[in-house]
Amino acid sequence: MFAYVQITDKSKVSYGYAKFCFDQQILELSALQGMPNSVPTDIPIAEINALKQDTYYRWNRIQFNYNNKNYIFLSTGTEELHYFQNKFSNLTVV
């Protein structure tokens, strides 16, 4: 799957399109396109917290925190949203 991803930590914001998939209990996120210093990230699903889903100007938005960073996935299609919903039983709809 592909989505627009924004990653925020205390001092900077990184954003761009990225490929992501779930492999067993890991969310695999590719390097952000257009961000030369970004690197692929493997996120253990068990370590994701503050997971929620809502809409942002008709875009589906999924947000969570991991490793002191806030991750936001934006997509206009429903396939990406359903992909996340199938992987997370604790997805809170706001």
C-alpha atoms as a PDB file:
ATOM      1  CA  MET A   1       0.000   0.000   0.000  1.00  0.00           C
ATOM      2  CA  PHE A   2       1.024   3.622  -0.493  1.00  0.00           C
ATOM      3  CA  ALA A   3       0.073   6.679   1.563  1.00  0.00           C
ATOM      4  CA  TYR A   4       1.156  10.215   2.301  1.00  0.00           C
ATOM      5  CA  VAL A   5       3.023   9.976   5.612  1.00  0.00           C
ATOM      6  CA  GLN A   6       3.970  12.710   8.054  1.00  0.00           C
ATOM      7  CA  ILE A   7       6.383  11.968  10.903  1.00  0.00           C
ATOM      8  CA  THR A   8       6.747  14.531  13.684  1.00  0.00           C
ATOM      9  CA  ASP A   9       9.174  14.525  16.554  1.00  0.00           C
ATOM     10  CA  LYS A  10      10.117  17.285  18.995  1.00  0.00           C
ATOM     11  CA  SER A  11      12.241  19.261  16.563  1.00  0.00           C
ATOM     12  CA  LYS A  12      11.261  18.418  12.973  1.00  0.00           C
ATOM     13  CA  VAL A  13       8.600  17.240  10.567  1.00  0.00           C
ATOM     14  CA  SER A  14       9.279  14.774   7.757  1.00  0.00           C
ATOM     15  CA  TYR A  15       6.714  13.995   5.076  1.00  0.00           C
ATOM     16  CA  GLY A  16       6.258  12.340   1.725  1.00  0.00           C
ATOM     17  CA  TYR A  17       4.739   9.326   0.043  1.00  0.00           C
ATOM     18  CA  ALA A  18       5.798   5.935   1.309  1.00  0.00           C
ATOM     19  CA  LYS A  19       5.085   2.281   0.755  1.00  0.00           C
ATOM     20  CA  PHE A  20       3.975   0.302   3.783  1.00  0.00           C
ATOM     21  CA  CYS A  21       2.963  -3.243   4.608  1.00  0.00           C
ATOM     22  CA  PHE A  22       2.456  -5.534   7.551  1.00  0.00           C
ATOM     23  CA  ASP A  23       4.703  -8.548   7.959  1.00  0.00           C
ATOM     24  CA  GLN A  24       3.600 -10.665  10.902  1.00  0.00           C
ATOM     25  CA  GLN A  25       3.598  -8.195  13.833  1.00  0.00           C
ATOM     26  CA  ILE A  26       5.701  -5.477  12.155  1.00  0.00           C
ATOM     27  CA  LEU A  27       4.586  -2.408  10.184  1.00  0.00           C
ATOM     28  CA  GLU A  28       7.255  -1.932   7.514  1.00  0.00           C
ATOM     29  CA  LEU A  29       7.523   1.652   6.251  1.00  0.00           C
ATOM     30  CA  SER A  30       9.764   2.525   3.299  1.00  0.00           C
ATOM     31  CA  ALA A  31      11.874   5.676   3.140  1.00  0.00           C
ATOM     32  CA  LEU A  32       9.780   8.761   2.445  1.00  0.00           C
ATOM     33  CA  GLN A  33       9.924   9.842  -1.186  1.00  0.00           C
ATOM     34  CA  GLY A  34      11.368  13.336  -1.498  1.00  0.00           C
ATOM     35  CA  MET A  35      13.088  13.234   1.900  1.00  0.00           C
ATOM     36  CA  PRO A  36      16.723  12.291   1.244  1.00  0.00           C
ATOM     37  CA  ASN A  37      17.588  11.639   4.912  1.00  0.00           C
ATOM     38  CA  SER A  38      14.645   9.368   5.652  1.00  0.00           C
ATOM     39  CA  VAL A  39      15.271   5.684   6.181  1.00  0.00           C
ATOM     40  CA  PRO A  40      13.050   2.600   6.112  1.00  0.00           C
ATOM     41  CA  THR A  41      11.470   1.909   9.497  1.00  0.00           C
ATOM     42  CA  ASP A  42      10.194  -1.303  11.056  1.00  0.00           C
ATOM     43  CA  ILE A  43       7.580  -0.592  13.717  1.00  0.00           C
ATOM     44  CA  PRO A  44       6.523  -3.403  16.059  1.00  0.00           C
ATOM     45  CA  ILE A  45       2.727  -3.302  16.249  1.00  0.00           C
ATOM     46  CA  ALA A  46       2.827  -4.011  19.994  1.00  0.00           C
ATOM     47  CA  GLU A  47       4.772  -0.768  20.554  1.00  0.00           C
ATOM     48  CA  ILE A  48       2.292   1.492  18.744  1.00  0.00           C
ATOM     49  CA  ASN A  49       0.172   3.630  21.044  1.00  0.00           C
ATOM     50  CA  ALA A  50      -2.449   6.405  20.829  1.00  0.00           C
ATOM     51  CA  LEU A  51      -3.816   4.813  17.648  1.00  0.00           C
ATOM     52  CA  LYS A  52      -6.818   6.577  16.122  1.00  0.00           C
ATOM     53  CA  GLN A  53      -8.605   7.098  12.827  1.00  0.00           C
ATOM     54  CA  ASP A  54     -10.551  10.111  11.571  1.00  0.00           C
ATOM     55  CA  THR A  55     -10.943  12.233   8.442  1.00  0.00           C
ATOM     56  CA  TYR A  56      -9.029  15.320   7.401  1.00  0.00           C
ATOM     57  CA  TYR A  57     -10.592  17.279   4.518  1.00  0.00           C
ATOM     58  CA  ARG A  58     -12.151  14.025   3.192  1.00  0.00           C
ATOM     59  CA  TRP A  59      -8.851  12.165   3.488  1.00  0.00           C
ATOM     60  CA  ASN A  60      -8.719   9.097   5.708  1.00  0.00           C
ATOM     61  CA  ARG A  61      -6.243   9.784   8.505  1.00  0.00           C
ATOM     62  CA  ILE A  62      -4.648   7.212  10.776  1.00  0.00           C
ATOM     63  CA  GLN A  63      -2.420   8.498  13.570  1.00  0.00           C
ATOM     64  CA  PHE A  64      -0.273   6.812  16.171  1.00  0.00           C
ATOM     65  CA  ASN A  65       2.789   7.325  18.331  1.00  0.00           C
ATOM     66  CA  TYR A  66       5.908   5.198  18.253  1.00  0.00           C
ATOM     67  CA  ASN A  67       9.378   5.829  19.669  1.00  0.00           C
ATOM     68  CA  ASN A  68       8.576   9.428  20.728  1.00  0.00           C
ATOM     69  CA  LYS A  69       7.345  10.306  17.217  1.00  0.00           C
ATOM     70  CA  ASN A  70       3.861  10.940  15.871  1.00  0.00           C
ATOM     71  CA  TYR A  71       3.030   9.155  12.600  1.00  0.00           C
ATOM     72  CA  ILE A  72       0.160  10.278  10.374  1.00  0.00           C
ATOM     73  CA  PHE A  73      -0.961   8.297   7.325  1.00  0.00           C
ATOM     74  CA  LEU A  74      -3.259  10.130   4.879  1.00  0.00           C
ATOM     75  CA  SER A  75      -5.051   8.489   1.976  1.00  0.00           C
ATOM     76  CA  THR A  76      -8.039   9.237  -0.215  1.00  0.00           C
ATOM     77  CA  GLY A  77      -8.952   5.614  -0.854  1.00  0.00           C
ATOM     78  CA  THR A  78     -10.697   3.190   1.419  1.00  0.00           C
ATOM     79  CA  GLU A  79      -8.390   0.240   0.724  1.00  0.00           C
ATOM     80  CA  GLU A  80      -5.583   1.697   2.851  1.00  0.00           C
ATOM     81  CA  LEU A  81      -8.018   2.403   5.687  1.00  0.00           C
ATOM     82  CA  HIS A  82      -9.425  -1.127   5.567  1.00  0.00           C
ATOM     83  CA  TYR A  83      -5.892  -2.534   5.449  1.00  0.00           C
ATOM     84  CA  PHE A  84      -5.087  -0.791   8.743  1.00  0.00           C
ATOM     85  CA  GLN A  85      -8.444  -1.679  10.303  1.00  0.00           C
ATOM     86  CA  ASN A  86      -7.869  -5.362   9.582  1.00  0.00           C
ATOM     87  CA  LYS A  87      -4.506  -5.243  11.374  1.00  0.00           C
ATOM     88  CA  PHE A  88      -5.524  -3.225  14.451  1.00  0.00           C
ATOM     89  CA  SER A  89      -8.402  -4.364  16.608  1.00  0.00           C
ATOM     90  CA  ASN A  90      -7.856  -1.350  18.885  1.00  0.00           C
ATOM     91  CA  LEU A  91      -8.216   1.336  16.179  1.00  0.00           C
ATOM     92  CA  THR A  92     -10.251   4.159  17.750  1.00  0.00           C
ATOM     93  CA  VAL A  93     -12.533   6.013  15.348  1.00  0.00           C
ATOM     94  CA  VAL A  94     -12.818   9.696  16.246  1.00  0.00           C
END
